[in-house]
């Protein structure tokens, strides 16, 4: 097996593990009534178009009725964030067409789980760089925030404060 095949296979496995971990968290939050519901791999169309081309990882309805969209990634690469900006734009446009507002978050693993021993520092630095850029008021972004799993837990746990 070639290195690129191994690498792609490993990345796919890591992505599946992240989705599974978040799915378990969301199911626990649902049982605790912190969220009303969640939907894995929703698909959205742009207003006026039929094709559902925008595909984040989860749509979550919080206990207060607010909707948050999360798009997970296991790597903090610039090109990955640019790709997710497009899904954020289309997804928010979809909801705006229905007179609804949503928050859109890109979610990465916590520092101790991001990357591997060889790439962890680079991934953390990439995450911090992209988060800082996204938070800059002079940078246009459809993404509300770039967060880690621990931040997602805090957002959902503090639903009444949103």
Protein backbone atom coordinates (compact mmCIF):
# COMPACT_ATOMS: atom_id res chain seq x y z
CA UNK A 1 0.00 0.00 0.00
CA UNK A 2 1.40 3.41 -0.93
CA UNK A 3 2.05 6.13 1.65
CA UNK A 4 -0.65 8.36 0.16
CA UNK A 5 -3.21 5.53 0.34
CA UNK A 6 -2.28 4.85 3.95
CA UNK A 7 -2.42 8.54 4.73
CA UNK A 8 -5.85 9.00 3.11
CA UNK A 9 -7.16 5.87 4.83
CA UNK A 10 -5.88 7.14 8.18
CA UNK A 11 -7.46 10.57 7.62
CA UNK A 12 -10.80 8.99 6.75
CA UNK A 13 -10.66 6.84 9.88
CA UNK A 14 -9.83 9.90 12.02
CA UNK A 15 -12.74 11.82 10.50
CA UNK A 16 -15.13 8.94 11.12
CA UNK A 17 -13.93 8.68 14.73
CA UNK A 18 -14.50 12.42 15.26
CA UNK A 19 -18.03 12.19 13.84
CA UNK A 20 -18.75 9.16 16.04
CA UNK A 21 -17.43 10.95 19.15
CA UNK A 22 -19.57 14.02 18.47
CA UNK A 23 -22.59 11.80 17.74
CA UNK A 24 -22.21 10.14 21.14
CA UNK A 25 -21.91 13.57 22.83
CA UNK A 26 -25.04 14.80 21.07
CA UNK A 27 -27.02 11.69 22.01
CA UNK A 28 -26.01 12.23 25.66
CA UNK A 29 -27.05 15.89 25.43
CA UNK A 30 -30.40 14.85 23.97
CA UNK A 31 -30.99 12.42 26.84
CA UNK A 32 -30.18 15.26 29.29
CA UNK A 33 -32.64 17.56 27.44
CA UNK A 34 -29.84 20.02 26.62
CA UNK A 35 -30.71 19.67 22.95
CA UNK A 36 -34.06 18.93 21.34
CA UNK A 37 -32.70 17.07 18.36
CA UNK A 38 -29.79 16.63 15.98
CA UNK A 39 -29.42 15.45 12.41
CA UNK A 40 -26.25 13.86 11.01
CA UNK A 41 -25.08 14.90 7.53
CA UNK A 42 -27.94 17.24 6.62
CA UNK A 43 -28.02 18.59 3.07
CA UNK A 44 -29.21 22.07 2.10
CA UNK A 45 -30.04 23.85 -1.12
CA UNK A 46 -29.42 27.48 -1.96
CA UNK A 47 -32.70 29.46 -2.09
CA UNK A 48 -34.24 29.14 -5.53
CA UNK A 49 -32.18 26.05 -6.41
CA UNK A 50 -33.27 22.44 -5.97
CA UNK A 51 -29.89 20.74 -5.71
CA UNK A 52 -28.82 20.18 -2.10
CA UNK A 53 -25.13 20.98 -2.44
CA UNK A 54 -24.21 22.23 1.04
CA UNK A 55 -23.25 19.53 3.50
CA UNK A 56 -22.07 20.21 7.04
CA UNK A 57 -21.79 17.36 9.55
CA UNK A 58 -24.58 18.12 12.04
CA UNK A 59 -27.65 20.31 12.49
CA UNK A 60 -28.43 20.70 16.19
CA UNK A 61 -31.60 22.18 17.65
CA UNK A 62 -30.80 23.46 21.13
CA UNK A 63 -33.25 23.24 24.04
CA UNK A 64 -34.11 26.94 23.57
CA UNK A 65 -35.00 26.34 19.90
CA UNK A 66 -31.87 27.94 18.42
CA UNK A 67 -30.17 26.00 15.64
CA UNK A 68 -26.43 25.51 15.38
CA UNK A 69 -24.64 23.87 12.51
CA UNK A 70 -21.32 22.15 13.04
CA UNK A 71 -18.80 21.12 10.43
CA UNK A 72 -16.05 18.90 11.81
CA UNK A 73 -12.47 18.58 10.68
CA UNK A 74 -9.51 16.70 12.06
CA UNK A 75 -6.95 19.01 10.49
CA UNK A 76 -6.38 22.76 10.76
CA UNK A 77 -5.39 23.47 7.16
CA UNK A 78 -6.21 26.74 5.40
CA UNK A 79 -7.67 25.00 2.34
CA UNK A 80 -9.98 22.95 4.56
CA UNK A 81 -11.32 26.11 6.22
CA UNK A 82 -11.89 27.76 2.84
CA UNK A 83 -13.92 24.74 1.74
CA UNK A 84 -16.01 24.93 4.90
CA UNK A 85 -16.64 28.65 4.33
CA UNK A 86 -18.55 27.70 1.18
CA UNK A 87 -20.76 25.24 3.07
CA UNK A 88 -21.32 27.86 5.78
CA UNK A 89 -22.34 30.44 3.17
CA UNK A 90 -24.79 28.11 1.46
CA UNK A 91 -26.21 26.71 4.69
CA UNK A 92 -26.79 30.15 6.19
CA UNK A 93 -28.37 31.31 2.91
CA UNK A 94 -30.70 28.29 3.03
CA UNK A 95 -31.91 29.18 6.52
CA UNK A 96 -32.09 32.90 5.75
CA UNK A 97 -34.43 32.01 2.89
CA UNK A 98 -36.68 30.45 5.54
CA UNK A 99 -36.37 33.53 7.80
CA UNK A 100 -34.24 31.59 10.29
CA UNK A 101 -30.84 32.45 11.67
CA UNK A 102 -28.28 29.79 12.53
CA UNK A 103 -24.82 29.77 14.07
CA UNK A 104 -22.18 27.88 12.09
CA UNK A 105 -19.15 26.39 13.83
CA UNK A 106 -16.15 24.50 12.55
CA UNK A 107 -15.23 21.94 15.23
CA UNK A 108 -11.81 20.37 15.73
CA UNK A 109 -10.60 17.84 18.31
CA UNK A 110 -9.23 19.16 21.59
CA UNK A 111 -5.48 19.89 21.72
CA UNK A 112 -4.63 16.49 23.22
CA UNK A 113 -6.43 14.67 20.38
CA UNK A 114 -5.62 16.80 17.34
CA UNK A 115 -3.18 15.34 14.83
CA UNK A 116 -0.59 12.83 16.02
CA UNK A 117 2.69 13.07 17.94
CA UNK A 118 4.48 14.37 14.85
CA UNK A 119 1.84 16.86 13.71
CA UNK A 120 0.13 17.99 16.94
CA UNK A 121 2.05 21.25 17.41
CA UNK A 122 1.58 22.20 13.75
CA UNK A 123 -2.17 21.42 13.94
CA UNK A 124 -2.63 23.45 17.14
CA UNK A 125 -0.77 26.40 15.60
CA UNK A 126 -2.89 26.11 12.45
CA UNK A 127 -6.08 26.04 14.53
CA UNK A 128 -5.03 29.11 16.54
CA UNK A 129 -3.98 31.00 13.39
CA UNK A 130 -7.26 30.30 11.56
CA UNK A 131 -9.32 31.07 14.69
CA UNK A 132 -7.55 34.41 15.14
CA UNK A 133 -8.10 35.27 11.48
CA UNK A 134 -11.78 34.27 11.69
CA UNK A 135 -12.24 36.46 14.79
CA UNK A 136 -10.71 39.50 13.07
CA UNK A 137 -13.45 42.06 12.28
CA UNK A 138 -11.62 42.96 9.03
CA UNK A 139 -11.90 39.37 7.76
CA UNK A 140 -15.18 38.34 6.12
CA UNK A 141 -16.37 34.95 7.28
CA UNK A 142 -19.64 33.05 7.17
CA UNK A 143 -18.32 30.84 9.98
CA UNK A 144 -19.31 32.14 13.41
CA UNK A 145 -16.37 30.52 15.16
CA UNK A 146 -13.69 27.86 14.89
CA UNK A 147 -13.85 25.82 18.08
CA UNK A 148 -12.78 22.58 19.68
CA UNK A 149 -14.96 19.83 21.16
CA UNK A 150 -14.61 21.30 24.67
CA UNK A 151 -15.98 24.63 23.37
CA UNK A 152 -18.91 22.84 21.73
CA UNK A 153 -19.70 21.16 25.04
CA UNK A 154 -19.68 24.57 26.76
CA UNK A 155 -21.92 26.13 24.10
CA UNK A 156 -24.51 23.37 24.43
CA UNK A 157 -24.25 23.19 28.23
CA UNK A 158 -24.87 26.94 28.46
CA UNK A 159 -27.77 26.98 25.98
CA UNK A 160 -29.91 29.26 28.10
CA UNK A 161 -27.16 31.91 27.90
CA UNK A 162 -27.14 32.02 24.09
